[in-house]
PDB file of N, CA and C in Angstrom:
ATOM      1  N   MET A   1      19.857  -1.957  26.305  1.00  0.00           N
ATOM      2  CA  MET A   1      18.688  -1.860  25.483  1.00  0.00           C
ATOM      3  C   MET A   1      17.481  -1.367  26.272  1.00  0.00           C
ATOM      4  N   LEU A   2      17.367  -1.750  27.506  1.00  0.00           N
ATOM      5  CA  LEU A   2      16.231  -1.310  28.297  1.00  0.00           C
ATOM      6  C   LEU A   2      16.293   0.175  28.598  1.00  0.00           C
ATOM      7  N   ASN A   3      17.487   0.745  28.572  1.00  0.00           N
ATOM      8  CA  ASN A   3      17.654   2.159  28.882  1.00  0.00           C
ATOM      9  C   ASN A   3      17.793   3.024  27.635  1.00  0.00           C
ATOM     10  N   ASP A   4      17.573   2.442  26.445  1.00  0.00           N
ATOM     11  CA  ASP A   4      17.672   3.209  25.209  1.00  0.00           C
ATOM     12  C   ASP A   4      16.607   4.307  25.173  1.00  0.00           C
ATOM     13  N   VAL A   5      16.941   5.391  24.531  1.00  0.00           N
ATOM     14  CA  VAL A   5      16.019   6.515  24.398  1.00  0.00           C
ATOM     15  C   VAL A   5      14.998   6.174  23.311  1.00  0.00           C
ATOM     16  N   ILE A   6      13.728   6.408  23.583  1.00  0.00           N
ATOM     17  CA  ILE A   6      12.666   6.165  22.614  1.00  0.00           C
ATOM     18  C   ILE A   6      12.453   7.434  21.808  1.00  0.00           C
ATOM     19  N   THR A   7      12.492   7.296  20.489  1.00  0.00           N
ATOM     20  CA  THR A   7      12.279   8.424  19.603  1.00  0.00           C
ATOM     21  C   THR A   7      10.885   8.324  19.013  1.00  0.00           C
ATOM     22  N   GLU A   8      10.083   9.357  19.204  1.00  0.00           N
ATOM     23  CA  GLU A   8       8.729   9.381  18.647  1.00  0.00           C
ATOM     24  C   GLU A   8       8.768  10.068  17.292  1.00  0.00           C
ATOM     25  N   LEU A   9       8.249   9.383  16.266  1.00  0.00           N
ATOM     26  CA  LEU A   9       8.219   9.937  14.923  1.00  0.00           C
ATOM     27  C   LEU A   9       6.808  10.393  14.587  1.00  0.00           C
ATOM     28  N   ASN A  10       6.674  11.602  14.120  1.00  0.00           N
ATOM     29  CA  ASN A  10       5.401  12.107  13.634  1.00  0.00           C
ATOM     30  C   ASN A  10       5.628  12.481  12.183  1.00  0.00           C
ATOM     31  N   TYR A  11       5.288  11.572  11.290  1.00  0.00           N
ATOM     32  CA  TYR A  11       5.554  11.765   9.883  1.00  0.00           C
ATOM     33  C   TYR A  11       4.281  11.494   9.100  1.00  0.00           C
ATOM     34  N   PRO A  12       3.449  12.513   8.887  1.00  0.00           N
ATOM     35  CA  PRO A  12       2.178  12.301   8.185  1.00  0.00           C
ATOM     36  C   PRO A  12       2.409  11.904   6.732  1.00  0.00           C
ATOM     37  N   VAL A  13       1.451  11.214   6.156  1.00  0.00           N
ATOM     38  CA  VAL A  13       1.556  10.800   4.759  1.00  0.00           C
ATOM     39  C   VAL A  13       1.336  12.030   3.886  1.00  0.00           C
ATOM     40  N   LEU A  14       2.375  12.426   3.167  1.00  0.00           N
ATOM     41  CA  LEU A  14       2.299  13.595   2.305  1.00  0.00           C
ATOM     42  C   LEU A  14       1.691  13.245   0.950  1.00  0.00           C
ATOM     43  N   GLU A  15       1.897  11.988   0.546  1.00  0.00           N
ATOM     44  CA  GLU A  15       1.454  11.574  -0.775  1.00  0.00           C
ATOM     45  C   GLU A  15       1.265  10.064  -0.769  1.00  0.00           C
ATOM     46  N   HIS A  16       0.088   9.596  -1.143  1.00  0.00           N
ATOM     47  CA  HIS A  16      -0.165   8.165  -1.224  1.00  0.00           C
ATOM     48  C   HIS A  16       0.288   7.643  -2.582  1.00  0.00           C
ATOM     49  N   PRO A  17       0.915   6.466  -2.631  1.00  0.00           N
ATOM     50  CA  PRO A  17       1.360   5.924  -3.923  1.00  0.00           C
ATOM     51  C   PRO A  17       0.171   5.504  -4.784  1.00  0.00           C
ATOM     52  N   THR A  18       0.310   5.683  -6.088  1.00  0.00           N
ATOM     53  CA  THR A  18      -0.753   5.270  -7.000  1.00  0.00           C
ATOM     54  C   THR A  18      -0.732   3.751  -7.189  1.00  0.00           C
ATOM     55  N   LYS A  19       0.464   3.169  -7.228  1.00  0.00           N
ATOM     56  CA  LYS A  19       0.623   1.718  -7.317  1.00  0.00           C
ATOM     57  C   LYS A  19       1.517   1.285  -6.164  1.00  0.00           C
ATOM     58  N   ILE A  20       1.046   0.342  -5.371  1.00  0.00           N
ATOM     59  CA  ILE A  20       1.802  -0.086  -4.196  1.00  0.00           C
ATOM     60  C   ILE A  20       2.757  -1.213  -4.573  1.00  0.00           C
ATOM     61  N   THR A  21       4.034  -0.994  -4.321  1.00  0.00           N
ATOM     62  CA  THR A  21       5.080  -1.986  -4.522  1.00  0.00           C
ATOM     63  C   THR A  21       5.721  -2.233  -3.169  1.00  0.00           C
ATOM     64  N   SER A  22       5.777  -3.496  -2.751  1.00  0.00           N
ATOM     65  CA  SER A  22       6.384  -3.831  -1.459  1.00  0.00           C
ATOM     66  C   SER A  22       7.854  -4.154  -1.636  1.00  0.00           C
ATOM     67  N   HIS A  23       8.688  -3.544  -0.796  1.00  0.00           N
ATOM     68  CA  HIS A  23      10.117  -3.868  -0.789  1.00  0.00           C
ATOM     69  C   HIS A  23      10.344  -5.086   0.095  1.00  0.00           C
ATOM     70  N   ASN A  24      11.342  -5.883  -0.259  1.00  0.00           N
ATOM     71  CA  ASN A  24      11.661  -7.092   0.488  1.00  0.00           C
ATOM     72  C   ASN A  24      13.170  -7.134   0.708  1.00  0.00           C
ATOM     73  N   PHE A  25      13.610  -7.050   1.957  1.00  0.00           N
ATOM     74  CA  PHE A  25      15.041  -7.059   2.267  1.00  0.00           C
ATOM     75  C   PHE A  25      15.699  -8.400   1.931  1.00  0.00           C
ATOM     76  N   ASP A  26      14.939  -9.482   1.871  1.00  0.00           N
ATOM     77  CA  ASP A  26      15.514 -10.780   1.515  1.00  0.00           C
ATOM     78  C   ASP A  26      15.912 -10.817   0.039  1.00  0.00           C
ATOM     79  N   LYS A  27      15.147 -10.155  -0.811  1.00  0.00           N
ATOM     80  CA  LYS A  27      15.434 -10.132  -2.245  1.00  0.00           C
ATOM     81  C   LYS A  27      16.372  -9.003  -2.633  1.00  0.00           C
ATOM     82  N   ASN A  28      16.235  -7.864  -1.960  1.00  0.00           N
ATOM     83  CA  ASN A  28      17.075  -6.702  -2.244  1.00  0.00           C
ATOM     84  C   ASN A  28      17.454  -6.048  -0.919  1.00  0.00           C
ATOM     85  N   PRO A  29      18.690  -6.257  -0.445  1.00  0.00           N
ATOM     86  CA  PRO A  29      19.070  -5.753   0.879  1.00  0.00           C
ATOM     87  C   PRO A  29      19.258  -4.234   0.950  1.00  0.00           C
ATOM     88  N   GLU A  30      19.343  -3.554  -0.201  1.00  0.00           N
ATOM     89  CA  GLU A  30      19.511  -2.101  -0.188  1.00  0.00           C
ATOM     90  C   GLU A  30      18.339  -1.455  -0.904  1.00  0.00           C
ATOM     91  N   ILE A  31      17.652  -0.585  -0.194  1.00  0.00           N
ATOM     92  CA  ILE A  31      16.478   0.091  -0.739  1.00  0.00           C
ATOM     93  C   ILE A  31      16.721   1.585  -0.668  1.00  0.00           C
ATOM     94  N   THR A  32      16.438   2.276  -1.762  1.00  0.00           N
ATOM     95  CA  THR A  32      16.606   3.722  -1.791  1.00  0.00           C
ATOM     96  C   THR A  32      15.258   4.378  -2.071  1.00  0.00           C
ATOM     97  N   GLY A  33      15.139   5.617  -1.691  1.00  0.00           N
ATOM     98  CA  GLY A  33      13.918   6.363  -1.945  1.00  0.00           C
ATOM     99  C   GLY A  33      13.740   7.470  -0.926  1.00  0.00           C
ATOM    100  N   THR A  34      12.730   8.274  -1.153  1.00  0.00           N
ATOM    101  CA  THR A  34      12.391   9.374  -0.259  1.00  0.00           C
ATOM    102  C   THR A  34      11.187   8.983   0.575  1.00  0.00           C
ATOM    103  N   LEU A  35      11.314   9.132   1.895  1.00  0.00           N
ATOM    104  CA  LEU A  35      10.217   8.801   2.794  1.00  0.00           C
ATOM    105  C   LEU A  35       9.092   9.807   2.604  1.00  0.00           C
ATOM    106  N   LYS A  36       7.911   9.309   2.248  1.00  0.00           N
ATOM    107  CA  LYS A  36       6.746  10.170   1.999  1.00  0.00           C
ATOM    108  C   LYS A  36       5.774  10.166   3.170  1.00  0.00           C
ATOM    109  N   GLY A  37       5.864   9.148   4.041  1.00  0.00           N
ATOM    110  CA  GLY A  37       4.975   9.111   5.195  1.00  0.00           C
ATOM    111  C   GLY A  37       5.036   7.787   5.920  1.00  0.00           C
ATOM    112  N   ILE A  38       4.389   7.735   7.081  1.00  0.00           N
ATOM    113  CA  ILE A  38       4.294   6.524   7.886  1.00  0.00           C
ATOM    114  C   ILE A  38       2.828   6.303   8.165  1.00  0.00           C
ATOM    115  N   LYS A  39       2.345   5.108   7.870  1.00  0.00           N
ATOM    116  CA  LYS A  39       0.937   4.759   8.121  1.00  0.00           C
ATOM    117  C   LYS A  39       0.927   3.411   8.812  1.00  0.00           C
ATOM    118  N   GLY A  40       0.586   3.404  10.107  1.00  0.00           N
ATOM    119  CA  GLY A  40       0.571   2.151  10.860  1.00  0.00           C
ATOM    120  C   GLY A  40       1.946   1.526  10.885  1.00  0.00           C
ATOM    121  N   GLN A  41       2.064   0.312  10.374  1.00  0.00           N
ATOM    122  CA  GLN A  41       3.337  -0.414  10.361  1.00  0.00           C
ATOM    123  C   GLN A  41       4.086  -0.261   9.045  1.00  0.00           C
ATOM    124  N   TYR A  42       3.655   0.656   8.199  1.00  0.00           N
ATOM    125  CA  TYR A  42       4.253   0.811   6.879  1.00  0.00           C
ATOM    126  C   TYR A  42       5.024   2.119   6.751  1.00  0.00           C
ATOM    127  N   LEU A  43       6.231   2.021   6.202  1.00  0.00           N
ATOM    128  CA  LEU A  43       6.986   3.195   5.798  1.00  0.00           C
ATOM    129  C   LEU A  43       6.703   3.367   4.312  1.00  0.00           C
ATOM    130  N   ILE A  44       6.193   4.526   3.925  1.00  0.00           N
ATOM    131  CA  ILE A  44       5.815   4.774   2.541  1.00  0.00           C
ATOM    132  C   ILE A  44       6.903   5.624   1.882  1.00  0.00           C
ATOM    133  N   PHE A  45       7.569   5.038   0.893  1.00  0.00           N
ATOM    134  CA  PHE A  45       8.606   5.725   0.125  1.00  0.00           C
ATOM    135  C   PHE A  45       8.076   6.027  -1.269  1.00  0.00           C
ATOM    136  N   ASP A  46       8.782   6.879  -1.993  1.00  0.00           N
ATOM    137  CA  ASP A  46       8.384   7.156  -3.363  1.00  0.00           C
ATOM    138  C   ASP A  46       8.632   5.949  -4.275  1.00  0.00           C
ATOM    139  N   THR A  47       9.406   4.979  -3.804  1.00  0.00           N
ATOM    140  CA  THR A  47       9.717   3.784  -4.599  1.00  0.00           C
ATOM    141  C   THR A  47       8.936   2.550  -4.161  1.00  0.00           C
ATOM    142  N   GLY A  48       8.159   2.638  -3.089  1.00  0.00           N
ATOM    143  CA  GLY A  48       7.387   1.507  -2.590  1.00  0.00           C
ATOM    144  C   GLY A  48       7.198   1.593  -1.087  1.00  0.00           C
ATOM    145  N   VAL A  49       6.699   0.510  -0.493  1.00  0.00           N
ATOM    146  CA  VAL A  49       6.444   0.494   0.947  1.00  0.00           C
ATOM    147  C   VAL A  49       7.235  -0.614   1.628  1.00  0.00           C
ATOM    148  N   ILE A  50       7.515  -0.422   2.907  1.00  0.00           N
ATOM    149  CA  ILE A  50       8.177  -1.440   3.731  1.00  0.00           C
ATOM    150  C   ILE A  50       7.278  -1.729   4.915  1.00  0.00           C
ATOM    151  N   ASN A  51       6.976  -3.000   5.124  1.00  0.00           N
ATOM    152  CA  ASN A  51       6.210  -3.442   6.282  1.00  0.00           C
ATOM    153  C   ASN A  51       7.207  -3.639   7.424  1.00  0.00           C
ATOM    154  N   VAL A  52       7.224  -2.722   8.361  1.00  0.00           N
ATOM    155  CA  VAL A  52       8.212  -2.725   9.440  1.00  0.00           C
ATOM    156  C   VAL A  52       8.088  -3.978  10.314  1.00  0.00           C
ATOM    157  N   ARG A  53       6.878  -4.418  10.592  1.00  0.00           N
ATOM    158  CA  ARG A  53       6.686  -5.607  11.451  1.00  0.00           C
ATOM    159  C   ARG A  53       7.266  -6.863  10.807  1.00  0.00           C
ATOM    160  N   LYS A  54       7.199  -6.959   9.486  1.00  0.00           N
ATOM    161  CA  LYS A  54       7.725  -8.135   8.786  1.00  0.00           C
ATOM    162  C   LYS A  54       9.236  -8.258   8.973  1.00  0.00           C
ATOM    163  N   PHE A  55       9.910  -7.130   9.062  1.00  0.00           N
ATOM    164  CA  PHE A  55      11.370  -7.127   9.163  1.00  0.00           C
ATOM    165  C   PHE A  55      11.841  -6.647  10.533  1.00  0.00           C
ATOM    166  N   SER A  56      11.078  -6.917  11.577  1.00  0.00           N
ATOM    167  CA  SER A  56      11.389  -6.403  12.914  1.00  0.00           C
ATOM    168  C   SER A  56      12.683  -6.960  13.505  1.00  0.00           C
ATOM    169  N   SER A  57      13.129  -8.122  13.057  1.00  0.00           N
ATOM    170  CA  SER A  57      14.362  -8.698  13.621  1.00  0.00           C
ATOM    171  C   SER A  57      15.587  -8.349  12.777  1.00  0.00           C
ATOM    172  N   TYR A  58      15.429  -7.550  11.748  1.00  0.00           N
ATOM    173  CA  TYR A  58      16.544  -7.155  10.879  1.00  0.00           C
ATOM    174  C   TYR A  58      17.263  -5.947  11.456  1.00  0.00           C
ATOM    175  N   GLU A  59      18.553  -5.857  11.187  1.00  0.00           N
ATOM    176  CA  GLU A  59      19.329  -4.668  11.552  1.00  0.00           C
ATOM    177  C   GLU A  59      19.347  -3.765  10.334  1.00  0.00           C
ATOM    178  N   VAL A  60      18.895  -2.524  10.503  1.00  0.00           N
ATOM    179  CA  VAL A  60      18.734  -1.600   9.385  1.00  0.00           C
ATOM    180  C   VAL A  60      19.576  -0.349   9.621  1.00  0.00           C
ATOM    181  N   GLU A  61      20.195   0.127   8.573  1.00  0.00           N
ATOM    182  CA  GLU A  61      20.951   1.375   8.629  1.00  0.00           C
ATOM    183  C   GLU A  61      20.281   2.370   7.684  1.00  0.00           C
ATOM    184  N   VAL A  62      20.053   3.585   8.168  1.00  0.00           N
ATOM    185  CA  VAL A  62      19.373   4.615   7.397  1.00  0.00           C
ATOM    186  C   VAL A  62      20.324   5.788   7.207  1.00  0.00           C
ATOM    187  N   SER A  63      20.363   6.334   5.988  1.00  0.00           N
ATOM    188  CA  SER A  63      21.181   7.509   5.726  1.00  0.00           C
ATOM    189  C   SER A  63      20.376   8.508   4.903  1.00  0.00           C
ATOM    190  N   ASP A  64      20.832   9.755   4.913  1.00  0.00           N
ATOM    191  CA  ASP A  64      20.140  10.797   4.173  1.00  0.00           C
ATOM    192  C   ASP A  64      21.007  11.330   3.028  1.00  0.00           C
ATOM    193  N   ASP A  65      21.630  10.432   2.333  1.00  0.00           N
ATOM    194  CA  ASP A  65      22.518  10.813   1.214  1.00  0.00           C
ATOM    195  C   ASP A  65      21.773  11.470   0.096  1.00  0.00           C
TER     196      ASP A  65
END
């Protein structure tokens, strides 16, 4: 883990949501949507936002299906 490669993401917010809905992995373990941007600790999807710090100890799998 100490020797893992660090990936820098530069993903500007293309579109701000009109109504903010927070996703919760405890209530719904599978979340789908298109990533619209990253702002601070938030991943902004077309279906809502995810607070990355809140779920920092979770194991997450991402796909581009």
